[in-house]
């Protein structure tokens, strides 16, 4: 039986088309790996790649892609709205078919070791691969970003899992781990006031008393002169897209602000969209078996 693992590496480059295409080409050109999607955002200054493949092929592809990013991206001159601590900011492994979470964890740790040995890039393990509970949350590891990384890594609780207690001079550090699928979902607001987006994000995210499987930050979209609430839904089966969307809309009302659109970053499980369609259309007793394409694939 074929084994399939998904990987969604995030690179801190969303503006230089040449660099973006160089990184994407690594995933395009490898046997045993399929590039499903890649997107780059100038405001976030970030690139998100979604690829699936056989675990060993994915492993070797990532080594090449990480090495290229370390060469191309210099965080000393990098600016963007999205928090980041590394040229390759985060590399999550998601088991898809005939791959256990334990296998994904083992792969993430092996990659982490090689990344340090080959590129002198310190690595933090997160989510299911985390070496301690306080390291499970990506936001906690990334707090302070690249600019605060050198000082943070001197603290005993924030020594890297692989590497010395100092960041790579230009590439910072990378976070690698295994996790369940998440949905990257952003809601755009008809205001350019970042304080409003920040306030809404604090209410929506779990650590602020909001939705259990929601992480959120406020982001400026300067080219469009608006702001957005940028969210990661870490378990869409328990915190649905429509629930997060409506909570943002509800919190925005207190500021006299409306929702003008939304976006999905990267790939998304079909069921996540079906759940939202069922909610907004008020469809009763709907089953995914009623979707034509699902039946054709049986």
Protein backbone atom coordinates (compact mmCIF):
# COMPACT_ATOMS: atom_id res chain seq x y z
CA UNK A 1 0.00 0.00 0.00
CA UNK A 2 1.27 3.46 -0.89
CA UNK A 3 2.15 5.77 1.96
CA UNK A 4 1.24 9.43 1.55
CA UNK A 5 2.26 12.30 3.78
CA UNK A 6 1.42 15.97 3.37
CA UNK A 7 3.79 18.80 4.17
CA UNK A 8 2.96 22.52 4.31
CA UNK A 9 6.25 24.40 4.72
CA UNK A 10 6.09 28.17 5.19
CA UNK A 11 8.89 30.30 3.75
CA UNK A 12 9.54 33.94 4.68
CA UNK A 13 9.39 35.28 1.13
CA UNK A 14 6.27 36.65 -0.54
CA UNK A 15 7.58 39.42 -2.80
CA UNK A 16 10.52 38.24 -4.90
CA UNK A 17 8.94 36.19 -7.71
CA UNK A 18 12.27 34.69 -8.75
CA UNK A 19 12.97 33.32 -5.28
CA UNK A 20 9.39 32.09 -4.93
CA UNK A 21 9.61 30.15 -8.19
CA UNK A 22 13.00 28.71 -7.29
CA UNK A 23 11.58 27.24 -4.10
CA UNK A 24 8.42 25.99 -5.82
CA UNK A 25 10.50 24.31 -8.51
CA UNK A 26 12.14 22.06 -5.93
CA UNK A 27 8.73 20.52 -5.18
CA UNK A 28 7.71 20.38 -8.86
CA UNK A 29 10.73 18.46 -10.01
CA UNK A 30 10.88 15.50 -7.62
CA UNK A 31 9.64 12.01 -8.34
CA UNK A 32 7.37 10.75 -5.58
CA UNK A 33 6.29 14.29 -4.59
CA UNK A 34 3.38 16.30 -6.00
CA UNK A 35 3.13 20.06 -5.57
CA UNK A 36 -0.55 20.73 -4.92
CA UNK A 37 -0.45 24.46 -4.29
CA UNK A 38 1.76 27.39 -3.43
CA UNK A 39 0.75 30.93 -2.63
CA UNK A 40 2.68 34.07 -1.79
CA UNK A 41 1.41 37.25 -0.18
CA UNK A 42 3.25 40.59 -0.37
CA UNK A 43 1.73 42.00 2.82
CA UNK A 44 2.46 38.87 4.85
CA UNK A 45 5.77 38.52 2.92
CA UNK A 46 5.32 34.78 3.18
CA UNK A 47 5.03 31.76 0.90
CA UNK A 48 3.02 28.66 1.78
CA UNK A 49 3.66 25.42 -0.10
CA UNK A 50 1.36 22.41 0.00
CA UNK A 51 2.81 19.13 -1.22
CA UNK A 52 2.04 15.44 -0.82
CA UNK A 53 4.17 12.43 -1.46
CA UNK A 54 5.89 9.29 -0.33
CA UNK A 55 7.61 9.97 3.03
CA UNK A 56 11.19 9.30 1.91
CA UNK A 57 10.80 11.38 -1.25
CA UNK A 58 9.23 14.21 0.75
CA UNK A 59 12.07 14.05 3.26
CA UNK A 60 14.77 14.51 0.62
CA UNK A 61 12.77 17.23 -1.16
CA UNK A 62 12.47 19.21 2.05
CA UNK A 63 16.19 18.99 2.73
CA UNK A 64 16.82 20.57 -0.67
CA UNK A 65 14.10 23.22 -0.26
CA UNK A 66 15.28 24.21 3.22
CA UNK A 67 18.87 24.48 2.03
CA UNK A 68 17.78 26.71 -0.85
CA UNK A 69 15.71 28.96 1.45
CA UNK A 70 18.64 29.36 3.84
CA UNK A 71 20.72 30.49 0.86
CA UNK A 72 18.12 32.84 -0.65
CA UNK A 73 16.34 34.45 2.30
CA UNK A 74 17.97 36.92 4.70
CA UNK A 75 15.76 37.83 7.66
CA UNK A 76 18.01 40.72 8.59
CA UNK A 77 16.33 42.67 5.78
CA UNK A 78 12.94 40.94 5.87
CA UNK A 79 9.77 42.79 6.83
CA UNK A 80 6.17 41.58 6.70
CA UNK A 81 2.91 41.45 8.59
CA UNK A 82 3.09 37.74 9.45
CA UNK A 83 5.11 36.71 12.53
CA UNK A 84 8.28 34.81 11.60
CA UNK A 85 11.47 33.55 13.20
CA UNK A 86 13.10 31.75 10.30
CA UNK A 87 13.77 31.87 6.57
CA UNK A 88 11.94 28.54 6.63
CA UNK A 89 9.52 29.39 9.40
CA UNK A 90 7.62 26.17 10.01
CA UNK A 91 7.57 22.68 8.46
CA UNK A 92 4.56 20.58 9.48
CA UNK A 93 4.08 16.93 8.53
CA UNK A 94 0.48 15.69 8.25
CA UNK A 95 -0.24 11.94 7.88
CA UNK A 96 -2.68 11.33 5.01
CA UNK A 97 -2.72 7.70 3.86
CA UNK A 98 -1.18 4.60 5.45
CA UNK A 99 1.06 6.81 7.60
CA UNK A 100 0.64 6.88 11.38
CA UNK A 101 1.17 9.95 13.52
CA UNK A 102 4.09 8.11 15.13
CA UNK A 103 5.73 7.74 11.70
CA UNK A 104 5.17 11.42 10.97
CA UNK A 105 6.76 12.34 14.30
CA UNK A 106 9.79 10.14 13.59
CA UNK A 107 10.19 11.72 10.14
CA UNK A 108 10.01 15.23 11.60
CA UNK A 109 12.71 14.47 14.16
CA UNK A 110 15.00 12.90 11.57
CA UNK A 111 14.58 15.93 9.31
CA UNK A 112 15.28 18.24 12.25
CA UNK A 113 18.56 16.49 13.00
CA UNK A 114 19.73 16.65 9.37
CA UNK A 115 18.72 20.31 8.99
CA UNK A 116 20.93 21.26 11.92
CA UNK A 117 23.85 19.07 10.81
CA UNK A 118 23.70 20.15 7.16
CA UNK A 119 22.78 23.84 7.36
CA UNK A 120 23.66 24.89 10.96
CA UNK A 121 20.02 25.92 11.31
CA UNK A 122 18.66 25.45 14.86
CA UNK A 123 15.40 23.51 15.09
CA UNK A 124 12.50 23.58 17.54
CA UNK A 125 10.08 20.65 17.56
CA UNK A 126 6.37 21.48 17.97
CA UNK A 127 2.83 20.06 18.08
CA UNK A 128 2.88 16.22 18.30
CA UNK A 129 6.69 16.21 18.03
CA UNK A 130 7.24 18.67 20.88
CA UNK A 131 9.78 17.77 23.53
CA UNK A 132 7.85 19.61 26.27
CA UNK A 133 4.27 20.89 26.72
CA UNK A 134 5.28 24.56 26.52
CA UNK A 135 6.72 23.90 23.04
CA UNK A 136 3.59 22.44 21.47
CA UNK A 137 2.13 25.81 20.43
CA UNK A 138 3.81 27.40 17.41
CA UNK A 139 2.89 30.90 18.57
CA UNK A 140 4.71 30.37 21.88
CA UNK A 141 7.89 29.23 20.12
CA UNK A 142 7.73 32.09 17.62
CA UNK A 143 7.00 34.82 20.19
CA UNK A 144 9.66 37.51 19.94
CA UNK A 145 10.22 36.60 16.27
CA UNK A 146 13.60 36.74 14.53
CA UNK A 147 14.60 40.00 16.20
CA UNK A 148 14.20 38.54 19.71
CA UNK A 149 15.44 35.04 18.91
CA UNK A 150 19.06 35.46 20.02
CA UNK A 151 18.08 36.59 23.50
CA UNK A 152 15.25 34.05 23.79
CA UNK A 153 17.50 31.12 22.93
CA UNK A 154 19.75 31.93 25.87
CA UNK A 155 16.92 30.99 28.23
CA UNK A 156 17.12 27.37 29.39
CA UNK A 157 13.47 26.70 28.53
CA UNK A 158 14.04 27.88 24.96
CA UNK A 159 17.19 26.07 23.96
CA UNK A 160 16.58 24.46 20.54
CA UNK A 161 15.93 20.74 20.26
CA UNK A 162 18.71 20.55 17.67
CA UNK A 163 21.55 23.05 17.51
CA UNK A 164 23.42 25.51 19.66
CA UNK A 165 21.79 28.28 21.68
CA UNK A 166 22.23 30.86 18.94
CA UNK A 167 20.21 31.50 15.76
CA UNK A 168 21.58 31.21 12.25
CA UNK A 169 22.87 34.67 11.36
CA UNK A 170 20.54 35.25 8.42
CA UNK A 171 18.02 32.36 8.53
CA UNK A 172 17.09 32.37 12.23
CA UNK A 173 15.63 29.04 13.28
CA UNK A 174 12.98 26.65 12.00
CA UNK A 175 10.06 24.90 13.70
CA UNK A 176 9.41 21.31 12.57
CA UNK A 177 6.79 18.83 13.73
CA UNK A 178 3.85 16.57 13.03
CA UNK A 179 0.24 17.68 13.37
CA UNK A 180 -3.30 17.07 12.21
CA UNK A 181 -4.67 19.03 9.20
CA UNK A 182 -5.49 22.68 9.83
CA UNK A 183 -7.36 25.31 7.86
CA UNK A 184 -5.68 28.68 7.28
CA UNK A 185 -8.65 31.04 7.01
CA UNK A 186 -8.58 34.84 6.93
CA UNK A 187 -11.47 37.30 7.25
CA UNK A 188 -11.09 40.76 5.71
CA UNK A 189 -12.64 43.84 7.34
CA UNK A 190 -13.72 47.16 5.84
CA UNK A 191 -11.34 49.22 7.97
CA UNK A 192 -7.63 49.98 7.96
CA UNK A 193 -7.47 50.19 11.76
CA UNK A 194 -5.12 47.40 12.86
CA UNK A 195 -6.11 47.91 16.50
CA UNK A 196 -9.63 46.72 15.65
CA UNK A 197 -8.31 43.59 13.92
CA UNK A 198 -6.01 42.88 16.88
CA UNK A 199 -8.88 43.30 19.35
CA UNK A 200 -11.13 40.95 17.38
CA UNK A 201 -8.35 38.38 17.05
CA UNK A 202 -7.84 38.40 20.81
CA UNK A 203 -11.54 37.67 21.36
CA UNK A 204 -11.73 34.92 18.74
CA UNK A 205 -8.62 32.90 19.61
CA UNK A 206 -8.65 30.25 22.29
CA UNK A 207 -6.04 31.85 24.57
CA UNK A 208 -8.28 34.94 24.74
CA UNK A 209 -11.36 32.94 25.74
CA UNK A 210 -12.56 32.32 22.20
CA UNK A 211 -12.89 29.24 20.03
CA UNK A 212 -11.09 26.12 21.26
CA UNK A 213 -9.18 25.24 18.09
CA UNK A 214 -8.55 28.75 16.79
CA UNK A 215 -5.36 30.81 16.65
CA UNK A 216 -5.73 34.38 15.39
CA UNK A 217 -3.81 37.60 14.79
CA UNK A 218 -4.61 40.95 13.22
CA UNK A 219 -2.84 41.72 9.93
CA UNK A 220 -2.61 44.85 7.79
CA UNK A 221 -3.20 44.47 4.04
CA UNK A 222 -1.53 47.72 3.06
CA UNK A 223 -1.97 47.30 -0.69
CA UNK A 224 -5.75 47.10 -0.19
CA UNK A 225 -5.84 49.59 2.71
CA UNK A 226 -7.78 47.17 4.93
CA UNK A 227 -7.02 44.78 7.78
CA UNK A 228 -7.83 41.13 8.34
CA UNK A 229 -8.20 38.63 11.13
CA UNK A 230 -5.83 35.84 10.11
CA UNK A 231 -6.72 32.47 11.66
CA UNK A 232 -5.46 28.93 11.88
CA UNK A 233 -8.19 26.44 12.70
CA UNK A 234 -6.26 23.50 14.11
CA UNK A 235 -9.24 21.11 14.17
CA UNK A 236 -11.93 22.11 11.69
CA UNK A 237 -14.18 19.26 12.86
CA UNK A 238 -14.54 20.96 16.24
CA UNK A 239 -14.07 24.62 15.34
CA UNK A 240 -15.79 24.97 11.98
CA UNK A 241 -15.00 27.69 9.44
CA UNK A 242 -18.50 29.14 9.64
CA UNK A 243 -18.27 29.39 13.42
CA UNK A 244 -14.98 31.32 13.26
CA UNK A 245 -16.31 33.53 10.45
CA UNK A 246 -19.47 34.42 12.34
CA UNK A 247 -17.60 35.14 15.56
CA UNK A 248 -15.35 37.60 13.72
CA UNK A 249 -18.44 39.21 12.19
CA UNK A 250 -20.12 39.42 15.59
CA UNK A 251 -17.10 40.99 17.30
CA UNK A 252 -16.62 43.43 14.40
CA UNK A 253 -20.12 44.85 14.90
CA UNK A 254 -19.14 46.50 18.17
CA UNK A 255 -16.70 48.68 16.20
CA UNK A 256 -19.15 49.42 13.41
CA UNK A 257 -17.02 47.33 11.06
CA UNK A 258 -18.20 44.83 8.47
CA UNK A 259 -16.74 41.78 6.75
CA UNK A 260 -15.81 42.37 3.09
CA UNK A 261 -14.43 38.97 2.20
CA UNK A 262 -12.44 35.96 3.27
CA UNK A 263 -9.65 33.75 1.92
CA UNK A 264 -8.31 30.26 2.32
CA UNK A 265 -4.53 29.88 2.27
CA UNK A 266 -3.25 26.62 0.83
CA UNK A 267 -5.34 23.48 0.62
CA UNK A 268 -8.48 22.65 2.60
CA UNK A 269 -10.37 19.42 3.34
CA UNK A 270 -13.60 19.30 1.33
CA UNK A 271 -15.60 18.46 4.45
CA UNK A 272 -14.64 21.81 5.97
CA UNK A 273 -16.37 23.60 3.07
CA UNK A 274 -19.31 21.21 3.06
CA UNK A 275 -19.94 21.91 6.76
CA UNK A 276 -20.04 25.65 6.07
CA UNK A 277 -22.28 25.27 3.01
CA UNK A 278 -24.72 23.17 5.02
CA UNK A 279 -24.79 25.82 7.76
CA UNK A 280 -25.32 28.85 5.51
CA UNK A 281 -27.86 27.14 3.24
CA UNK A 282 -29.71 25.53 6.13
CA UNK A 283 -29.68 22.11 4.43
CA UNK A 284 -31.27 19.43 6.56
CA UNK A 285 -29.87 15.89 6.93
CA UNK A 286 -27.15 16.45 4.34
CA UNK A 287 -24.52 13.77 3.78
CA UNK A 288 -21.18 13.99 1.97
CA UNK A 289 -22.41 10.97 -0.04
CA UNK A 290 -24.76 13.37 -1.84
CA UNK A 291 -21.78 15.11 -3.45
CA UNK A 292 -21.53 13.84 -7.01
CA UNK A 293 -17.73 13.79 -7.17
CA UNK A 294 -17.57 11.74 -3.96
CA UNK A 295 -19.75 9.05 -5.45
CA UNK A 296 -17.76 8.98 -8.69
CA UNK A 297 -14.56 8.29 -6.75
CA UNK A 298 -16.02 5.27 -4.93
